[in-house]
Amino acid sequence: MKSSDDLKRCVRRICELLECEYGRKKHPAKTDPIDTLVLTILSQTTNFKNCKAAYEGLTAEYKTWQDVLEAPEDDLAKAISIGGLGRIKARRIKNALSRIKEKEGEVDLRFLAAMSTEDAMGFLLSMDGVGQKTAACVLCFSFGKPCFPVDTHIYRICKRLGLGGNSREEIASLIVETIAGNKLCAFHLNLVEHGRRICTARNPKCNDCVLKDYCY
């Protein structure tokens, strides 16, 4: 088993290798936090194409997040059905928006900017259906807070590399402790790209992998 220092050295080297392979991606423009929250809920157990179509169906049908909150759950489920699990995701979206309005009096997450990362994460995780990845996406991409979303691709790669134990939370914690905050977003995007191109779930292209020397 690697020591904590060995794991951190490994993470730093992996970050460097992926940066050489894919470049240092610029942090995307900060997104509206409600948009990010809803998009990430819609992305659960589906691909990007269907997630995007579900979001477009939702925003075509409802003009504001208040409209979404007030919509019947069945109607909302139909609007996002292309993404799969429409009824479950509709309930999660409505519950999240209701929780936000209950706290703030309006459907707006900008108040998280003034909170510590820990407190903001705690608030998001208190919502039904919002896990580490969803909460970290909101805090990382909408607020630039030092969080690291661990999606399916990243979890798969890190498990193969022997990083961070068995949980997504352990992996995220290791990376946040190791990589500078201004590089977290680029590292996340490079890992996702590597997972899609090379370190796929089935038939990974190991001979073409720049990380093969670190793989178990």
Protein backbone atom coordinates (compact mmCIF):
# COMPACT_ATOMS: atom_id res chain seq x y z
CA MET A 1 0.00 0.00 0.00
CA LYS A 2 1.32 3.44 -0.94
CA SER A 3 1.99 6.00 1.76
CA SER A 4 0.15 9.32 1.74
CA ASP A 5 3.25 11.07 0.36
CA ASP A 6 3.63 8.45 -2.38
CA LEU A 7 0.00 8.87 -3.38
CA LYS A 8 0.39 12.64 -3.61
CA ARG A 9 3.55 12.33 -5.71
CA CYS A 10 1.68 9.96 -7.99
CA VAL A 11 -1.27 12.35 -8.34
CA ARG A 12 1.03 15.27 -9.18
CA ARG A 13 2.84 13.22 -11.82
CA ILE A 14 -0.44 12.05 -13.36
CA CYS A 15 -1.61 15.66 -13.52
CA GLU A 16 1.63 16.62 -15.32
CA LEU A 17 1.40 13.73 -17.80
CA LEU A 18 -2.20 14.50 -18.71
CA GLU A 19 -1.37 18.17 -19.08
CA CYS A 20 1.40 17.28 -21.53
CA GLU A 21 -1.00 15.00 -23.42
CA TYR A 22 -4.10 17.20 -23.54
CA GLY A 23 -2.87 20.66 -22.56
CA ARG A 24 -3.85 22.77 -19.58
CA LYS A 25 -7.48 23.53 -20.20
CA LYS A 26 -8.73 26.95 -19.22
CA HIS A 27 -11.26 27.14 -16.44
CA PRO A 28 -14.61 27.56 -18.24
CA ALA A 29 -16.64 30.67 -17.57
CA LYS A 30 -18.53 30.30 -14.32
CA THR A 31 -21.97 28.85 -14.91
CA ASP A 32 -25.20 29.75 -13.15
CA PRO A 33 -25.29 27.49 -10.08
CA ILE A 34 -28.92 26.42 -10.53
CA ASP A 35 -28.17 25.53 -14.17
CA THR A 36 -25.19 23.47 -13.02
CA LEU A 37 -27.19 21.75 -10.29
CA VAL A 38 -30.04 20.78 -12.62
CA LEU A 39 -27.71 19.74 -15.45
CA THR A 40 -25.75 17.49 -13.14
CA ILE A 41 -28.90 15.86 -11.78
CA LEU A 42 -30.02 15.27 -15.38
CA SER A 43 -26.61 13.75 -16.21
CA GLN A 44 -27.04 10.95 -13.68
CA THR A 45 -27.00 7.50 -15.36
CA THR A 46 -27.11 8.86 -18.90
CA ASN A 47 -24.75 10.18 -21.58
CA PHE A 48 -23.99 13.80 -22.43
CA LYS A 49 -26.17 13.79 -25.57
CA ASN A 50 -29.30 12.68 -23.70
CA CYS A 51 -28.54 14.95 -20.75
CA LYS A 52 -28.27 17.95 -23.09
CA ALA A 53 -31.52 17.00 -24.83
CA ALA A 54 -33.30 16.64 -21.49
CA TYR A 55 -32.06 20.06 -20.37
CA GLU A 56 -33.18 21.62 -23.64
CA GLY A 57 -36.59 19.98 -23.28
CA LEU A 58 -36.87 21.35 -19.75
CA THR A 59 -35.88 24.92 -20.60
CA ALA A 60 -38.10 24.95 -23.70
CA GLU A 61 -41.11 24.02 -21.58
CA TYR A 62 -40.37 26.21 -18.53
CA LYS A 63 -38.95 29.72 -18.66
CA THR A 64 -37.85 30.12 -15.03
CA TRP A 65 -36.78 27.84 -12.20
CA GLN A 66 -39.82 29.05 -10.28
CA ASP A 67 -41.95 27.65 -13.13
CA VAL A 68 -40.13 24.32 -12.77
CA LEU A 69 -40.74 24.33 -9.02
CA GLU A 70 -44.47 24.92 -9.53
CA ALA A 71 -44.86 22.39 -12.37
CA PRO A 72 -46.67 19.08 -11.75
CA GLU A 73 -44.13 16.32 -11.31
CA ASP A 74 -45.64 14.23 -14.13
CA ASP A 75 -45.33 17.11 -16.61
CA LEU A 76 -41.75 17.76 -15.57
CA ALA A 77 -40.91 14.07 -15.95
CA LYS A 78 -42.24 14.10 -19.52
CA ALA A 79 -40.18 17.17 -20.42
CA ILE A 80 -36.94 15.43 -19.37
CA SER A 81 -37.87 11.86 -20.29
CA ILE A 82 -35.19 11.49 -22.99
CA GLY A 83 -32.56 11.47 -20.24
CA GLY A 84 -34.08 8.43 -18.54
CA LEU A 85 -35.40 8.07 -14.97
CA GLY A 86 -37.66 11.04 -15.67
CA ARG A 87 -39.87 10.70 -12.63
CA ILE A 88 -36.95 10.22 -10.22
CA LYS A 89 -35.00 13.15 -11.65
CA ALA A 90 -38.10 15.37 -11.73
CA ARG A 91 -38.65 14.68 -8.03
CA ARG A 92 -35.01 15.40 -7.23
CA ILE A 93 -35.04 18.67 -9.17
CA LYS A 94 -38.24 19.86 -7.52
CA ASN A 95 -37.00 18.86 -4.07
CA ALA A 96 -33.72 20.71 -4.62
CA LEU A 97 -35.44 23.88 -5.84
CA SER A 98 -37.89 23.70 -2.93
CA ARG A 99 -35.03 23.35 -0.43
CA ILE A 100 -33.26 26.37 -1.92
CA LYS A 101 -36.39 28.52 -1.81
CA GLU A 102 -37.14 27.40 1.73
CA LYS A 103 -33.71 28.66 2.82
CA GLU A 104 -33.43 31.83 0.73
CA GLY A 105 -36.98 32.83 -0.12
CA GLU A 106 -36.16 32.55 -3.82
CA VAL A 107 -34.74 29.98 -6.22
CA ASP A 108 -31.17 31.28 -6.19
CA LEU A 109 -27.92 29.66 -5.05
CA ARG A 110 -25.66 32.71 -5.16
CA PHE A 111 -25.60 32.78 -1.37
CA LEU A 112 -23.21 29.80 -1.48
CA ALA A 113 -20.45 32.15 -2.66
CA ALA A 114 -20.16 33.65 0.82
CA MET A 115 -20.10 30.27 2.59
CA SER A 116 -17.08 28.16 3.36
CA THR A 117 -16.54 25.25 1.00
CA GLU A 118 -17.39 22.81 3.80
CA ASP A 119 -20.67 24.56 4.68
CA ALA A 120 -21.67 24.99 1.04
CA MET A 121 -20.97 21.32 0.40
CA GLY A 122 -23.01 20.38 3.47
CA PHE A 123 -26.00 22.38 2.27
CA LEU A 124 -25.95 20.80 -1.18
CA LEU A 125 -25.52 17.30 0.21
CA SER A 126 -28.59 17.81 2.39
CA MET A 127 -30.72 17.65 -0.78
CA ASP A 128 -32.22 14.33 -1.79
CA GLY A 129 -30.39 12.90 -4.81
CA VAL A 130 -27.43 15.28 -4.59
CA GLY A 131 -24.18 13.42 -4.00
CA GLN A 132 -20.50 14.34 -3.95
CA LYS A 133 -20.17 14.68 -7.71
CA THR A 134 -23.22 16.90 -8.15
CA ALA A 135 -22.32 19.14 -5.21
CA ALA A 136 -18.68 19.40 -6.31
CA CYS A 137 -19.72 20.33 -9.86
CA VAL A 138 -21.79 23.24 -8.54
CA LEU A 139 -19.03 24.50 -6.24
CA CYS A 140 -16.19 23.99 -8.73
CA PHE A 141 -17.77 25.21 -11.97
CA SER A 142 -20.13 27.88 -10.64
CA PHE A 143 -18.10 29.28 -7.74
CA GLY A 144 -14.49 28.25 -8.37
CA LYS A 145 -14.28 26.68 -4.93
CA PRO A 146 -11.59 24.01 -4.27
CA CYS A 147 -13.70 20.95 -5.00
CA PHE A 148 -13.13 18.02 -7.32
CA PRO A 149 -16.05 16.23 -8.98
CA VAL A 150 -15.41 12.50 -9.30
CA ASP A 151 -17.53 11.16 -12.14
CA THR A 152 -17.65 7.64 -13.57
CA HIS A 153 -14.59 8.18 -15.79
CA ILE A 154 -12.46 9.64 -13.01
CA TYR A 155 -13.50 6.98 -10.50
CA ARG A 156 -12.60 4.24 -12.98
CA ILE A 157 -9.19 5.74 -13.78
CA CYS A 158 -8.30 6.37 -10.14
CA LYS A 159 -9.29 2.85 -9.13
CA ARG A 160 -7.08 1.43 -11.86
CA LEU A 161 -4.23 3.65 -10.69
CA GLY A 162 -4.68 2.63 -7.05
CA LEU A 163 -5.54 6.13 -5.87
CA GLY A 164 -7.71 7.16 -2.98
CA GLY A 165 -9.21 3.99 -1.55
CA ASN A 166 -12.67 2.72 -2.38
CA SER A 167 -14.85 5.83 -2.23
CA ARG A 168 -15.31 8.85 -4.46
CA GLU A 169 -15.00 11.04 -1.38
CA GLU A 170 -11.53 9.64 -0.61
CA ILE A 171 -10.39 10.22 -4.19
CA ALA A 172 -11.73 13.79 -4.20
CA SER A 173 -10.10 14.52 -0.84
CA LEU A 174 -6.71 13.22 -1.99
CA ILE A 175 -6.77 15.31 -5.16
CA VAL A 176 -7.94 18.52 -3.45
CA GLU A 177 -5.16 18.12 -0.86
CA THR A 178 -2.56 17.59 -3.60
CA ILE A 179 -3.39 19.75 -6.61
CA ALA A 180 -3.41 23.56 -6.50
CA GLY A 181 -6.89 25.06 -6.63
CA ASN A 182 -6.28 26.81 -9.94
CA LYS A 183 -5.42 23.46 -11.57
CA LEU A 184 -8.31 21.38 -10.23
CA CYS A 185 -10.72 22.16 -13.05
CA ALA A 186 -8.14 21.45 -15.77
CA PHE A 187 -7.16 18.18 -14.07
CA HIS A 188 -10.81 17.15 -13.87
CA LEU A 189 -11.39 17.89 -17.57
CA ASN A 190 -8.21 16.07 -18.62
CA LEU A 191 -9.13 12.98 -16.61
CA VAL A 192 -12.60 12.94 -18.16
CA GLU A 193 -11.11 13.26 -21.66
CA HIS A 194 -8.62 10.49 -20.91
CA GLY A 195 -11.45 8.27 -19.68
CA ARG A 196 -13.45 8.83 -22.84
CA ARG A 197 -10.53 8.43 -25.26
CA ILE A 198 -8.16 5.90 -23.69
CA CYS A 199 -9.10 4.50 -20.28
CA THR A 200 -12.54 3.31 -21.33
CA ALA A 201 -14.67 0.95 -19.27
CA ARG A 202 -14.35 -1.79 -21.87
CA ASN A 203 -11.32 -2.52 -24.02
CA PRO A 204 -9.12 0.32 -22.73
CA LYS A 205 -6.29 1.36 -25.06
CA CYS A 206 -3.55 0.52 -22.57
CA ASN A 207 -0.73 0.58 -25.13
CA ASP A 208 -1.57 4.20 -25.95
CA CYS A 209 -1.93 5.31 -22.33
CA VAL A 210 0.50 7.87 -20.93
CA LEU A 211 -0.36 6.61 -17.43
CA LYS A 212 0.35 2.92 -18.06
CA ASP A 213 3.48 2.94 -15.87
CA TYR A 214 1.27 3.87 -12.89
CA CYS A 215 -1.53 1.40 -13.58
CA TYR A 216 -2.14 -1.71 -11.49
